[in-house]
Amino acid sequence: MTHWTLGCDATDPHALAAFWAAALGYVPEPGNDEPDGASIGDPAGAGPAIGFLRVPEGKTAKNRMHIDIRVAGPAAIRDKAAELVAAGATLVREERYGDRLGHIVMLDPEGNEFCVA
């Protein structure tokens, strides 16, 4: 098995780490909290760690890769999206598959795209 970490650039790594920890049910990763970086991990140890590193430049284009948060069913998608808006995310649009809600496109507090499906 290969273990891996998702690395993310950030203007405010601690604030972005806190948002994603809440969104994913992750916790701060011990020993990885520095002024210019933060890391979060799955408390069960099953999912990858996510590191956030301060960079001087802001986001300038659409993400080439993003996180999808998967929940069960349209009501759960809307509930999770509302929870994330309260935590600082922005709702961009709902995508439908025929008559069924497929996913909601959102932005995290630094403008990075992600989906709730």
Protein backbone atom coordinates (compact mmCIF):
# COMPACT_ATOMS: atom_id res chain seq x y z
CA MET A 1 0.00 0.00 0.00
CA THR A 2 1.19 3.51 -0.83
CA HIS A 3 0.47 6.27 1.68
CA TRP A 4 0.10 9.77 0.32
CA THR A 5 -0.63 13.33 1.40
CA LEU A 6 -2.51 16.00 -0.51
CA GLY A 7 -0.50 19.24 -0.52
CA CYS A 8 -2.33 22.57 -0.83
CA ASP A 9 -1.12 26.14 -1.25
CA ALA A 10 -2.82 28.69 1.00
CA THR A 11 -2.83 32.34 1.93
CA ASP A 12 -3.77 31.42 5.52
CA PRO A 13 -2.84 27.76 6.05
CA HIS A 14 -4.26 27.55 9.57
CA ALA A 15 -7.67 28.95 8.63
CA LEU A 16 -7.89 26.75 5.55
CA ALA A 17 -6.81 23.69 7.55
CA ALA A 18 -9.51 24.44 10.12
CA PHE A 19 -12.17 24.73 7.40
CA TRP A 20 -11.18 21.43 5.77
CA ALA A 21 -10.86 19.66 9.12
CA ALA A 22 -14.45 20.62 9.91
CA ALA A 23 -15.65 19.74 6.38
CA LEU A 24 -14.05 16.29 6.41
CA GLY A 25 -14.20 15.35 10.09
CA TYR A 26 -10.39 15.51 10.26
CA VAL A 27 -8.18 16.67 13.13
CA PRO A 28 -4.93 18.65 13.29
CA GLU A 29 -1.96 16.38 12.67
CA PRO A 30 0.38 16.44 15.70
CA GLY A 31 3.81 17.89 15.05
CA ASN A 32 2.83 19.52 11.77
CA ASP A 33 1.74 22.94 13.01
CA GLU A 34 4.16 25.70 12.01
CA PRO A 35 3.68 29.44 11.33
CA ASP A 36 3.66 28.88 7.57
CA GLY A 37 2.00 25.50 7.45
CA ALA A 38 -0.58 23.19 8.95
CA SER A 39 -1.65 19.61 8.38
CA ILE A 40 -4.81 17.67 9.13
CA GLY A 41 -5.48 13.94 9.14
CA ASP A 42 -8.20 11.36 9.37
CA PRO A 43 -8.60 10.53 13.09
CA ALA A 44 -9.17 6.88 12.14
CA GLY A 45 -5.96 6.85 10.10
CA ALA A 46 -7.76 5.60 6.98
CA GLY A 47 -7.72 8.70 4.76
CA PRO A 48 -4.76 10.71 3.53
CA ALA A 49 -3.32 13.66 5.40
CA ILE A 50 -3.79 17.12 3.88
CA GLY A 51 -1.05 19.72 4.24
CA PHE A 52 -1.45 23.46 3.79
CA LEU A 53 1.58 25.63 3.03
CA ARG A 54 1.62 29.43 2.96
CA VAL A 55 2.49 30.86 -0.46
CA PRO A 56 2.84 34.54 -1.39
CA GLU A 57 0.58 34.47 -4.45
CA GLY A 58 -3.18 34.12 -4.47
CA LYS A 59 -5.27 31.71 -6.52
CA THR A 60 -5.39 32.83 -10.17
CA ALA A 61 -7.21 30.08 -12.10
CA LYS A 62 -9.60 27.15 -11.75
CA ASN A 63 -8.30 24.16 -9.80
CA ARG A 64 -6.96 21.34 -11.95
CA MET A 65 -7.84 18.88 -9.19
CA HIS A 66 -10.36 19.18 -6.36
CA ILE A 67 -11.94 17.35 -3.45
CA ASP A 68 -15.40 15.82 -3.70
CA ILE A 69 -17.21 15.38 -0.39
CA ARG A 70 -19.55 12.41 -0.74
CA VAL A 71 -22.70 12.07 1.33
CA ALA A 72 -25.87 10.00 0.89
CA GLY A 73 -28.66 11.50 -1.22
CA PRO A 74 -30.00 14.92 -2.24
CA ALA A 75 -31.17 15.93 1.26
CA ALA A 76 -27.75 15.09 2.70
CA ILE A 77 -26.05 17.01 -0.13
CA ARG A 78 -28.06 20.14 0.66
CA ASP A 79 -27.55 19.72 4.43
CA LYS A 80 -23.76 19.35 4.04
CA ALA A 81 -23.63 22.33 1.66
CA ALA A 82 -25.51 24.48 4.18
CA GLU A 83 -23.14 23.37 6.95
CA LEU A 84 -20.14 24.32 4.78
CA VAL A 85 -21.62 27.73 3.89
CA ALA A 86 -21.95 28.39 7.63
CA ALA A 87 -18.25 27.41 7.97
CA GLY A 88 -17.16 29.90 5.28
CA ALA A 89 -17.72 28.19 1.91
CA THR A 90 -19.60 29.74 -1.01
CA LEU A 91 -22.27 27.88 -2.97
CA VAL A 92 -21.67 28.26 -6.71
CA ARG A 93 -24.33 26.10 -8.37
CA GLU A 94 -26.31 22.88 -8.26
CA GLU A 95 -25.71 20.27 -10.95
CA ARG A 96 -28.53 17.88 -11.82
CA TYR A 97 -28.57 14.46 -13.47
CA GLY A 98 -31.96 14.59 -15.16
CA ASP A 99 -34.47 15.34 -12.40
CA ARG A 100 -32.10 14.34 -9.58
CA LEU A 101 -29.64 16.59 -7.74
CA GLY A 102 -26.19 15.24 -8.61
CA HIS A 103 -23.82 17.55 -6.78
CA ILE A 104 -23.29 21.11 -5.58
CA VAL A 105 -20.25 23.07 -6.72
CA MET A 106 -18.75 25.20 -3.96
CA LEU A 107 -15.72 27.36 -3.13
CA ASP A 108 -13.71 27.01 0.07
CA PRO A 109 -12.78 30.21 1.99
CA GLU A 110 -9.80 30.83 -0.35
CA GLY A 111 -11.80 30.29 -3.56
CA ASN A 112 -10.79 26.69 -4.32
CA GLU A 113 -13.51 24.71 -6.09
CA PHE A 114 -14.90 21.51 -4.59
CA CYS A 115 -18.11 19.51 -4.85
CA VAL A 116 -20.57 17.99 -2.43
CA ALA A 117 -22.10 14.88 -3.97
